[in-house]
Amino acid sequence: MLCWLCVGNLGAYYLNESWPGAAFQVQSAHKWLDRHAREADWLSLAKLSLIALDIAKRHADFVNASWARDAVEEIIDTDDLNFESRLALLVLDDCRAALADRRIAD
């Protein structure tokens, strides 16, 4: 879900030229949860959303990449995350590191 949220934030940033708000985070998280038949409490969703936004902001310069438009269109067209796409690969290591750090902290 963290990678999904990161990529969603980057896509929204690309399209709107501003970072999405809380409503976007909640909607994106619930879309992922519903698709994967999972549940999560609101505090976990809030924490993941903040981490996702932080990771996305570190990669904000992707909007200047020649492939950015294609990456965002792929997400919009498929409404899913291809973990082999350039955009997902861009944030995947950061997501893994954030989750590993989180497991240690918990």
C-alpha atoms as a PDB file:
ATOM      1  CA  MET A   1       0.000   0.000   0.000  1.00  0.00           C
ATOM      2  CA  LEU A   2       2.852   2.392   0.751  1.00  0.00           C
ATOM      3  CA  CYS A   3       4.173   2.214  -2.797  1.00  0.00           C
ATOM      4  CA  TRP A   4       0.628   2.652  -4.159  1.00  0.00           C
ATOM      5  CA  LEU A   5       0.204   5.795  -2.051  1.00  0.00           C
ATOM      6  CA  CYS A   6       3.607   7.181  -3.111  1.00  0.00           C
ATOM      7  CA  VAL A   7       2.900   6.692  -6.789  1.00  0.00           C
ATOM      8  CA  GLY A   8      -0.590   8.130  -6.359  1.00  0.00           C
ATOM      9  CA  ASN A   9       0.855  11.226  -4.710  1.00  0.00           C
ATOM     10  CA  LEU A  10       3.370  11.645  -7.522  1.00  0.00           C
ATOM     11  CA  GLY A  11       0.674  11.203 -10.149  1.00  0.00           C
ATOM     12  CA  ALA A  12      -1.567  13.772  -8.477  1.00  0.00           C
ATOM     13  CA  TYR A  13       1.371  16.156  -8.158  1.00  0.00           C
ATOM     14  CA  TYR A  14       2.140  15.739 -11.846  1.00  0.00           C
ATOM     15  CA  LEU A  15      -1.460  16.391 -12.863  1.00  0.00           C
ATOM     16  CA  ASN A  16      -2.310  19.210 -10.428  1.00  0.00           C
ATOM     17  CA  GLU A  17       1.083  20.807  -9.759  1.00  0.00           C
ATOM     18  CA  SER A  18       0.346  20.600  -6.031  1.00  0.00           C
ATOM     19  CA  TRP A  19       0.445  17.876  -3.417  1.00  0.00           C
ATOM     20  CA  PRO A  20      -2.867  16.152  -2.708  1.00  0.00           C
ATOM     21  CA  GLY A  21      -4.666  16.631   0.578  1.00  0.00           C
ATOM     22  CA  ALA A  22      -6.018  14.282   3.206  1.00  0.00           C
ATOM     23  CA  ALA A  23      -9.142  13.350   1.227  1.00  0.00           C
ATOM     24  CA  PHE A  24      -6.972  12.015  -1.603  1.00  0.00           C
ATOM     25  CA  GLN A  25      -4.887  10.007   0.864  1.00  0.00           C
ATOM     26  CA  VAL A  26      -7.971   8.436   2.448  1.00  0.00           C
ATOM     27  CA  GLN A  27      -9.563   7.648  -0.913  1.00  0.00           C
ATOM     28  CA  SER A  28      -6.360   6.101  -2.281  1.00  0.00           C
ATOM     29  CA  ALA A  29      -5.802   4.007   0.831  1.00  0.00           C
ATOM     30  CA  HIS A  30      -9.366   2.696   0.824  1.00  0.00           C
ATOM     31  CA  LYS A  31      -9.148   1.898  -2.875  1.00  0.00           C
ATOM     32  CA  TRP A  32      -6.073  -0.245  -2.200  1.00  0.00           C
ATOM     33  CA  LEU A  33      -7.617  -1.869   0.877  1.00  0.00           C
ATOM     34  CA  ASP A  34     -10.826  -2.719  -0.983  1.00  0.00           C
ATOM     35  CA  ARG A  35      -8.957  -4.115  -3.977  1.00  0.00           C
ATOM     36  CA  HIS A  36      -6.856  -6.362  -1.747  1.00  0.00           C
ATOM     37  CA  ALA A  37      -9.649  -7.282   0.702  1.00  0.00           C
ATOM     38  CA  ARG A  38      -7.718  -5.830   3.636  1.00  0.00           C
ATOM     39  CA  GLU A  39      -8.536  -3.622   6.581  1.00  0.00           C
ATOM     40  CA  ALA A  40      -6.538  -1.046   8.505  1.00  0.00           C
ATOM     41  CA  ASP A  41      -7.234   1.316  11.361  1.00  0.00           C
ATOM     42  CA  TRP A  42      -7.277   5.041  10.730  1.00  0.00           C
ATOM     43  CA  LEU A  43      -4.055   5.690  12.638  1.00  0.00           C
ATOM     44  CA  SER A  44      -2.099   3.210  10.520  1.00  0.00           C
ATOM     45  CA  LEU A  45      -3.527   4.778   7.365  1.00  0.00           C
ATOM     46  CA  ALA A  46      -2.598   8.250   8.569  1.00  0.00           C
ATOM     47  CA  LYS A  47       0.970   7.185   9.339  1.00  0.00           C
ATOM     48  CA  LEU A  48       1.402   5.409   6.000  1.00  0.00           C
ATOM     49  CA  SER A  49      -0.048   8.402   4.169  1.00  0.00           C
ATOM     50  CA  LEU A  50       2.447  10.758   5.800  1.00  0.00           C
ATOM     51  CA  ILE A  51       5.341   8.432   5.000  1.00  0.00           C
ATOM     52  CA  ALA A  52       4.117   8.087   1.408  1.00  0.00           C
ATOM     53  CA  LEU A  53       3.862  11.835   0.964  1.00  0.00           C
ATOM     54  CA  ASP A  54       7.350  12.305   2.391  1.00  0.00           C
ATOM     55  CA  ILE A  55       8.812   9.725   0.005  1.00  0.00           C
ATOM     56  CA  ALA A  56       6.905  11.199  -2.931  1.00  0.00           C
ATOM     57  CA  LYS A  57       8.222  14.679  -2.179  1.00  0.00           C
ATOM     58  CA  ARG A  58      11.774  13.328  -2.317  1.00  0.00           C
ATOM     59  CA  HIS A  59      11.071  12.256  -5.887  1.00  0.00           C
ATOM     60  CA  ALA A  60       9.112  15.322  -7.014  1.00  0.00           C
ATOM     61  CA  ASP A  61      11.613  16.072  -9.757  1.00  0.00           C
ATOM     62  CA  PHE A  62      10.214  13.092 -11.685  1.00  0.00           C
ATOM     63  CA  VAL A  63       7.674  15.485 -13.212  1.00  0.00           C
ATOM     64  CA  ASN A  64      10.502  16.846 -15.354  1.00  0.00           C
ATOM     65  CA  ALA A  65      11.429  13.408 -16.715  1.00  0.00           C
ATOM     66  CA  SER A  66      10.620  12.745 -20.352  1.00  0.00           C
ATOM     67  CA  TRP A  67       8.721   9.587 -19.356  1.00  0.00           C
ATOM     68  CA  ALA A  68       6.594  11.178 -16.592  1.00  0.00           C
ATOM     69  CA  ARG A  69       3.468  11.667 -18.687  1.00  0.00           C
ATOM     70  CA  ASP A  70       3.515   8.051 -19.884  1.00  0.00           C
ATOM     71  CA  ALA A  71       3.973   6.817 -16.311  1.00  0.00           C
ATOM     72  CA  VAL A  72       0.996   8.795 -15.024  1.00  0.00           C
ATOM     73  CA  GLU A  73      -1.178   7.796 -17.989  1.00  0.00           C
ATOM     74  CA  GLU A  74      -0.366   4.130 -17.335  1.00  0.00           C
ATOM     75  CA  ILE A  75      -1.675   4.445 -13.782  1.00  0.00           C
ATOM     76  CA  ILE A  76      -4.806   6.281 -14.893  1.00  0.00           C
ATOM     77  CA  ASP A  77      -5.502   3.825 -17.720  1.00  0.00           C
ATOM     78  CA  THR A  78      -4.995   0.667 -15.661  1.00  0.00           C
ATOM     79  CA  ASP A  79      -6.008   2.008 -12.229  1.00  0.00           C
ATOM     80  CA  ASP A  80      -3.375  -0.323 -10.837  1.00  0.00           C
ATOM     81  CA  LEU A  81       0.293  -0.279  -9.948  1.00  0.00           C
ATOM     82  CA  ASN A  82       2.783  -2.056 -12.164  1.00  0.00           C
ATOM     83  CA  PHE A  83       5.750  -2.676  -9.887  1.00  0.00           C
ATOM     84  CA  GLU A  84       8.010  -2.864 -12.932  1.00  0.00           C
ATOM     85  CA  SER A  85       7.046   0.602 -14.148  1.00  0.00           C
ATOM     86  CA  ARG A  86       9.641   3.338 -13.954  1.00  0.00           C
ATOM     87  CA  LEU A  87       7.603   5.329 -11.466  1.00  0.00           C
ATOM     88  CA  ALA A  88       7.128   2.394  -9.083  1.00  0.00           C
ATOM     89  CA  LEU A  89      10.795   1.459  -9.330  1.00  0.00           C
ATOM     90  CA  LEU A  90      11.660   5.068  -8.504  1.00  0.00           C
ATOM     91  CA  VAL A  91      10.079   4.821  -5.041  1.00  0.00           C
ATOM     92  CA  LEU A  92      10.207   1.091  -4.289  1.00  0.00           C
ATOM     93  CA  ASP A  93      13.532   1.069  -2.424  1.00  0.00           C
ATOM     94  CA  ASP A  94      12.470   4.038  -0.299  1.00  0.00           C
ATOM     95  CA  CYS A  95       9.198   2.283   0.530  1.00  0.00           C
ATOM     96  CA  ARG A  96      10.992  -0.892   1.535  1.00  0.00           C
ATOM     97  CA  ALA A  97      13.441   1.062   3.686  1.00  0.00           C
ATOM     98  CA  ALA A  98      10.622   2.999   5.372  1.00  0.00           C
ATOM     99  CA  LEU A  99       8.754  -0.201   6.175  1.00  0.00           C
ATOM    100  CA  ALA A 100      11.902  -1.860   7.512  1.00  0.00           C
ATOM    101  CA  ASP A 101      12.611   1.164   9.716  1.00  0.00           C
ATOM    102  CA  ARG A 102       9.020   1.122  10.907  1.00  0.00           C
ATOM    103  CA  ARG A 103       9.197  -2.553  11.883  1.00  0.00           C
ATOM    104  CA  ILE A 104      12.282  -1.853  13.960  1.00  0.00           C
ATOM    105  CA  ALA A 105      10.608   1.146  15.649  1.00  0.00           C
ATOM    106  CA  ASP A 106       7.460  -0.838  16.502  1.00  0.00           C
END
